[in-house]
Protein backbone atom coordinates (compact mmCIF):
# COMPACT_ATOMS: atom_id res chain seq x y z
CA MET A 1 182.07 135.68 101.99
CA ALA A 2 179.43 134.02 104.08
CA THR A 3 180.20 132.46 107.44
CA TYR A 4 178.83 129.40 109.19
CA PRO A 5 178.73 128.72 112.92
CA VAL A 6 180.85 125.72 113.76
CA ASP A 7 180.03 123.50 116.70
CA ILE A 8 183.37 122.22 117.96
CA THR A 9 181.66 119.10 119.39
CA SER A 10 179.80 118.11 116.24
CA HIS A 11 182.63 116.00 114.81
CA SER A 12 182.69 113.62 117.75
CA GLY A 13 179.12 112.45 117.23
CA MET A 14 175.98 113.14 119.20
CA ALA A 15 175.88 112.01 122.80
CA GLY A 16 172.95 109.89 123.89
CA ALA A 17 171.26 112.77 125.70
CA ASP A 18 171.74 115.05 122.66
CA ARG A 19 170.26 112.70 120.10
CA PRO A 20 167.45 114.28 118.06
CA VAL A 21 163.98 113.59 119.44
CA VAL A 22 161.82 111.74 116.92
CA ARG A 23 158.12 112.58 116.73
CA HIS A 24 155.15 110.48 115.65
CA ILE A 25 153.91 111.55 112.22
CA GLY A 26 151.01 110.46 110.04
CA LEU A 27 149.52 110.89 106.58
CA PRO A 28 148.25 114.44 107.33
CA ASP A 29 151.84 115.45 108.13
CA LEU A 30 153.05 113.99 104.84
CA LEU A 31 150.39 115.80 102.85
CA ASP A 32 151.18 119.05 104.65
CA ALA A 33 154.88 118.58 103.87
CA LEU A 34 153.96 118.23 100.20
CA ARG A 35 151.82 121.37 100.40
CA LEU A 36 154.64 123.36 101.97
CA GLY A 37 157.08 121.92 99.43
CA TRP A 38 154.82 123.11 96.63
CA GLU A 39 154.77 126.61 98.13
CA ASP A 40 158.58 126.60 98.20
CA PHE A 41 158.72 125.40 94.60
CA LYS A 42 156.38 128.16 93.46
CA ALA A 43 158.54 130.73 95.24
CA VAL A 44 161.77 129.66 93.46
CA PRO A 45 160.71 127.65 90.38
CA SER A 46 163.48 128.75 88.02
CA HIS A 47 166.22 127.56 90.36
CA ALA A 48 164.53 124.23 90.98
CA ILE A 49 164.13 123.54 87.28
CA VAL A 50 167.74 124.50 86.54
CA LEU A 51 168.98 122.05 89.17
CA CYS A 52 166.65 119.19 88.35
CA VAL A 53 166.40 119.27 84.57
CA ILE A 54 169.85 117.67 84.40
CA TYR A 55 168.74 114.49 86.18
CA PRO A 56 166.75 113.08 83.25
CA ILE A 57 169.68 113.78 80.94
CA ILE A 58 172.11 112.09 83.33
CA GLY A 59 169.77 109.11 83.61
CA ILE A 60 169.52 108.63 79.87
CA VAL A 61 173.28 108.94 79.45
CA LEU A 62 173.94 106.42 82.22
CA ALA A 63 171.52 103.96 80.64
CA ARG A 64 173.15 104.46 77.24
CA ILE A 65 176.60 103.81 78.67
CA ALA A 66 175.38 100.74 80.57
CA LEU A 67 173.81 99.09 77.53
CA GLY A 68 175.83 100.50 74.69
CA TYR A 69 173.09 99.72 72.16
CA SER A 70 169.69 100.47 73.64
CA VAL A 71 168.30 102.51 76.53
CA LEU A 72 164.86 100.91 76.48
CA PRO A 73 165.38 98.04 78.96
CA LEU A 74 166.77 100.38 81.62
CA LEU A 75 164.46 103.37 81.23
CA PHE A 76 162.23 102.24 84.09
CA PRO A 77 165.06 101.11 86.42
CA VAL A 78 166.87 104.43 85.91
CA ALA A 79 163.68 106.40 86.54
CA ALA A 80 163.02 104.36 89.67
CA GLY A 81 166.63 104.90 90.71
CA PHE A 82 166.02 108.64 91.06
CA ALA A 83 164.26 107.77 94.33
CA LEU A 84 167.61 106.46 95.58
CA ILE A 85 169.73 109.51 94.76
CA GLY A 86 167.01 112.16 95.06
CA PRO A 87 167.69 113.02 98.74
CA PHE A 88 171.31 113.86 97.92
CA ALA A 89 170.48 115.73 94.72
CA ALA A 90 168.13 118.03 96.63
CA LEU A 91 170.74 119.49 99.01
CA GLY A 92 170.37 123.01 97.65
CA LEU A 93 166.59 122.81 97.92
CA TYR A 94 166.79 122.10 101.66
CA GLU A 95 168.85 125.27 102.07
CA LEU A 96 166.23 127.31 100.21
CA SER A 97 163.34 125.86 102.22
CA TYR A 98 165.14 126.66 105.46
CA ARG A 99 165.82 130.24 104.40
CA ARG A 100 162.17 130.74 103.46
CA GLU A 101 161.12 129.25 106.79
CA LEU A 102 163.17 131.92 108.56
CA GLY A 103 161.88 134.69 106.30
CA GLN A 104 165.28 135.10 104.62
CA GLU A 105 165.79 135.85 100.95
CA ALA A 106 165.88 132.65 98.87
CA SER A 107 167.26 132.73 95.34
CA ALA A 108 169.23 130.40 93.09
CA TRP A 109 172.60 131.53 94.44
CA HIS A 110 171.63 130.87 98.04
CA ALA A 111 171.35 127.15 97.26
CA PHE A 112 175.12 126.99 96.89
CA GLY A 113 175.50 128.03 100.53
CA VAL A 114 175.21 124.34 101.36
CA LEU A 115 178.77 123.92 100.04
CA ARG A 116 180.04 125.83 103.09
CA ALA A 117 178.06 123.83 105.63
CA PRO A 118 180.25 122.21 108.35
CA SER A 119 178.76 118.77 107.62
CA PHE A 120 179.16 118.96 103.85
CA GLY A 121 181.79 116.20 103.96
CA SER A 122 179.30 113.90 105.68
CA MET A 123 176.69 114.80 103.06
CA LEU A 124 179.13 113.82 100.33
CA GLY A 125 179.81 110.54 102.09
CA LEU A 126 176.16 109.56 102.30
CA GLY A 127 175.57 110.85 98.79
CA GLY A 128 178.35 108.57 97.56
CA LEU A 129 176.76 105.63 99.35
CA LEU A 130 173.42 106.36 97.66
CA LEU A 131 175.14 106.57 94.28
CA VAL A 132 176.69 103.16 94.88
CA ILE A 133 173.25 101.77 95.72
CA PHE A 134 171.90 103.39 92.53
CA PHE A 135 174.56 101.83 90.29
CA VAL A 136 174.16 98.43 91.92
CA TRP A 137 170.39 98.63 91.36
CA VAL A 138 170.86 99.50 87.67
CA ALA A 139 173.31 96.61 87.26
CA VAL A 140 170.94 94.18 88.98
CA ALA A 141 168.00 95.38 86.85
CA HIS A 142 170.08 94.86 83.71
CA ALA A 143 171.02 91.37 84.87
CA ILE A 144 167.34 90.53 85.45
CA TYR A 145 166.49 91.70 81.91
CA VAL A 146 169.36 89.74 80.33
CA SER A 147 168.48 86.59 82.27
CA THR A 148 164.93 86.86 80.94
CA PHE A 149 165.35 87.97 77.31
CA GLY A 150 169.07 87.59 76.63
CA ASN A 151 171.31 90.24 75.10
CA THR A 152 169.20 90.85 72.01
CA PRO A 153 167.92 94.43 72.19
CA ALA A 154 164.35 95.43 71.35
CA ALA A 155 164.25 96.85 67.83
CA ALA A 156 161.72 99.57 68.58
CA MET A 157 159.49 100.91 71.32
CA PRO A 158 156.35 98.91 70.33
CA ASP A 159 158.37 95.69 70.17
CA PHE A 160 159.80 96.35 73.60
CA PHE A 161 156.42 96.94 75.25
CA THR A 162 154.98 93.88 73.53
CA GLN A 163 157.92 91.83 74.75
CA VAL A 164 157.49 93.02 78.32
CA PHE A 165 153.73 93.28 78.78
CA ALA A 166 152.38 90.64 76.42
CA THR A 167 154.52 87.64 77.37
CA SER A 168 154.74 85.49 80.46
CA GLU A 169 158.49 86.08 80.57
CA GLY A 170 157.91 89.80 80.62
CA TRP A 171 155.48 89.64 83.54
CA ARG A 172 157.84 87.39 85.46
CA MET A 173 160.62 89.92 84.90
CA ILE A 174 158.33 92.72 86.12
CA MET A 175 157.46 90.89 89.33
CA ILE A 176 161.10 90.03 90.08
CA GLY A 177 162.23 93.56 89.25
CA VAL A 178 159.59 95.18 91.43
CA GLY A 179 160.44 92.90 94.34
CA VAL A 180 164.18 93.54 94.10
CA GLY A 181 163.62 97.26 93.51
CA PHE A 182 161.50 97.43 96.65
CA LEU A 183 164.42 96.12 98.71
CA PHE A 184 166.79 98.75 97.31
CA ALA A 185 164.24 101.51 97.88
CA ALA A 186 163.58 100.35 101.45
CA VAL A 187 167.29 100.47 102.29
CA ALA A 188 167.69 103.94 100.79
CA LEU A 189 164.59 105.22 102.57
CA CYS A 190 165.70 103.91 105.95
CA ILE A 191 169.12 105.55 105.82
CA SER A 192 168.19 108.85 104.19
CA ILE A 193 164.59 109.86 104.94
CA VAL A 194 165.76 112.80 107.11
CA SER A 195 169.56 112.40 106.97
CA PHE A 196 170.52 115.26 104.68
CA PRO A 197 168.30 117.93 106.28
CA LEU A 198 169.59 116.80 109.69
CA MET A 199 173.21 117.12 108.59
CA LEU A 200 172.52 120.55 107.11
CA HIS A 201 170.50 121.87 110.05
CA GLN A 202 172.13 120.27 113.10
CA HIS A 203 175.59 119.42 111.71
CA ALA A 204 175.16 115.72 112.47
CA ASP A 205 177.78 113.40 111.08
CA MET A 206 176.95 110.66 108.58
CA SER A 207 176.50 107.81 111.06
CA ASP A 208 174.32 109.86 113.43
CA ALA A 209 172.17 111.06 110.55
CA MET A 210 171.65 107.53 109.22
CA LEU A 211 170.85 106.25 112.72
CA THR A 212 168.30 109.03 113.23
CA SER A 213 166.66 108.24 109.88
CA MET A 214 166.34 104.61 110.89
CA ARG A 215 164.80 105.71 114.21
CA VAL A 216 162.26 107.82 112.29
CA VAL A 217 161.31 104.82 110.15
CA ALA A 218 161.17 102.50 113.18
CA LYS A 219 158.91 104.89 115.09
CA ASN A 220 156.72 105.68 112.06
CA PRO A 221 156.73 102.57 109.85
CA ILE A 222 153.32 103.25 108.33
CA ALA A 223 154.08 106.91 107.60
CA ALA A 224 157.47 105.94 106.16
CA ALA A 225 155.82 103.38 103.87
CA GLU A 226 153.24 105.97 102.81
CA TRP A 227 156.00 108.48 102.08
CA GLY A 228 157.86 105.88 100.01
CA LEU A 229 154.68 105.17 98.05
CA ILE A 230 154.12 108.90 97.46
CA VAL A 231 157.67 109.23 96.16
CA VAL A 232 157.30 106.25 93.82
CA VAL A 233 153.96 107.44 92.43
CA LEU A 234 155.18 111.00 91.85
CA LEU A 235 158.41 109.84 90.24
CA THR A 236 156.49 107.46 87.99
CA LEU A 237 154.17 110.25 86.89
CA GLY A 238 157.11 112.59 86.47
CA SER A 239 158.86 110.11 84.19
CA ILE A 240 156.04 110.35 81.63
CA PRO A 241 156.82 111.41 79.01
CA PHE A 242 160.59 111.11 78.70
CA PHE A 243 161.33 112.20 82.27
CA LEU A 244 160.24 115.78 81.58
CA GLY A 245 157.86 115.79 84.56
CA LEU A 246 160.81 115.25 86.88
CA THR A 247 161.68 118.94 86.49
CA ILE A 248 158.66 119.58 88.72
CA VAL A 249 158.49 116.37 90.76
CA MET A 250 162.13 116.36 91.90
CA PRO A 251 162.13 119.89 93.36
CA LEU A 252 158.70 119.33 94.89
CA LEU A 253 159.93 116.22 96.69
CA GLY A 254 163.17 117.95 97.67
CA HIS A 255 161.40 120.86 99.36
CA ALA A 256 158.82 118.53 100.89
CA THR A 257 161.60 116.39 102.40
CA TRP A 258 162.83 119.41 104.34
CA HIS A 259 159.36 119.96 105.80
CA LEU A 260 159.03 116.24 106.52
CA TYR A 261 162.26 116.48 108.53
CA ARG A 262 160.89 119.45 110.49
CA LYS A 263 157.76 117.48 111.35
CA ALA A 264 159.60 114.26 112.25
CA ILE A 265 162.44 115.77 114.33
CA GLU A 266 162.08 118.22 117.20
CA SER A 267 164.07 121.43 116.85
CA PRO A 268 167.21 121.51 119.02
CA LEU A 269 167.33 123.79 122.05
CA THR A 270 171.07 124.42 121.67
CA SER A 271 172.70 126.90 119.36
CA SER A 272 174.53 124.25 117.36
CA ALA A 273 171.87 124.20 114.67
CA HIS A 274 172.63 125.63 111.27
CA GLU A 275 171.83 129.32 111.03
CA PRO A 276 171.98 131.65 108.04
CA PRO A 277 175.02 133.91 107.80
CA GLU A 278 175.02 136.92 110.06
CA THR A 279 174.66 140.26 108.29
CA GLU A 280 176.55 142.20 110.96
CA LYS A 281 179.91 141.36 112.40
CA GLU A 282 180.50 141.63 116.11
CA LYS A 283 182.11 144.92 117.11
CA ARG A 284 185.64 144.69 118.47
CA TYR A 285 187.36 147.42 120.47
CA ALA A 286 191.04 148.30 120.83
CA ALA A 287 190.80 147.98 124.61
CA ASP A 288 189.97 144.29 124.18
CA PHE A 289 193.29 143.52 122.49
CA PRO A 290 194.92 141.01 122.87
CA SER A 291 192.06 139.09 124.56
CA VAL A 292 190.17 138.94 121.25
CA LEU A 293 192.88 136.62 119.94
CA LEU A 294 192.17 133.99 122.57
CA PRO A 295 189.09 131.72 122.15
CA PRO A 296 186.41 131.86 123.27
CA TYR A 297 185.62 135.56 123.05
CA GLY A 298 182.14 136.05 124.49
CA ARG A 299 180.67 133.24 122.37
CA LYS A 300 180.15 129.54 122.55
CA HIS A 301 181.08 129.06 118.87
CA ARG A 302 183.75 130.54 116.67
CA PHE A 303 182.95 131.77 113.21
CA PHE A 304 185.24 130.99 110.33
CA ASP A 305 185.00 132.85 107.08
CA SER A 306 185.29 130.64 104.02
CA SER A 307 187.73 133.13 102.53
CA ASP A 308 190.27 132.61 105.35
């Protein structure tokens, strides 16, 4: 089984001097991140589609469960909500982008290597927080719809669009929904713009990763806003028709997020960063016994095999 280097100091949080250095980035960096993300997607398209094709299905099912009688009123809120949970859903894509960056083999199975990452628990924690934000957003969007049109469902698609876009109530609901949705998206962006790649690459814990993401947004507010707009536009286009475009948009954004992280955060000089599994084990000699049983043995980090 594969092994991961474990930094014994990573669980205590990053010291002030060890905090990641945040760079200034601009629109050219964002566009280049998208270009590199597209190259990654082209290199492993089958894997990306397998991972991401389930998101539209999950979204439709969640909307169906929430309403019980009609998915129409929540189609747009659910599609917009993918921007909230997308950073967590793309964990495997970050792993693939990193492997390609290092010239390593990148296939579908390599994406599951993220499950053995030392900071996977922190990733789950932040992912859970994003899911909570997603469900709260869907509930708030439903409440806005009910407060505007009541509980009577739209009978058919044309009736629904007429109700929303051809009435003053519908336009008022749109403006309120967009305003509230912007607040949810801003919160998610601030806490997760580089959090998951940072946890994967540098083994940061959840609080350090969120703090670093907020520092990136604070240092690059215009670029962060531009990135948020890019995400919204691509997700909107990918949702037409029937979310099918998300099978391309979601992996593209996932890979691009890794490259955005690499542009926004300076690479660490220490060896605590995530590295791919070693292909050769260190040689041990009989003359070294029993010193090999006592840590450390010629290394700063110990390696634990997941099969132990």
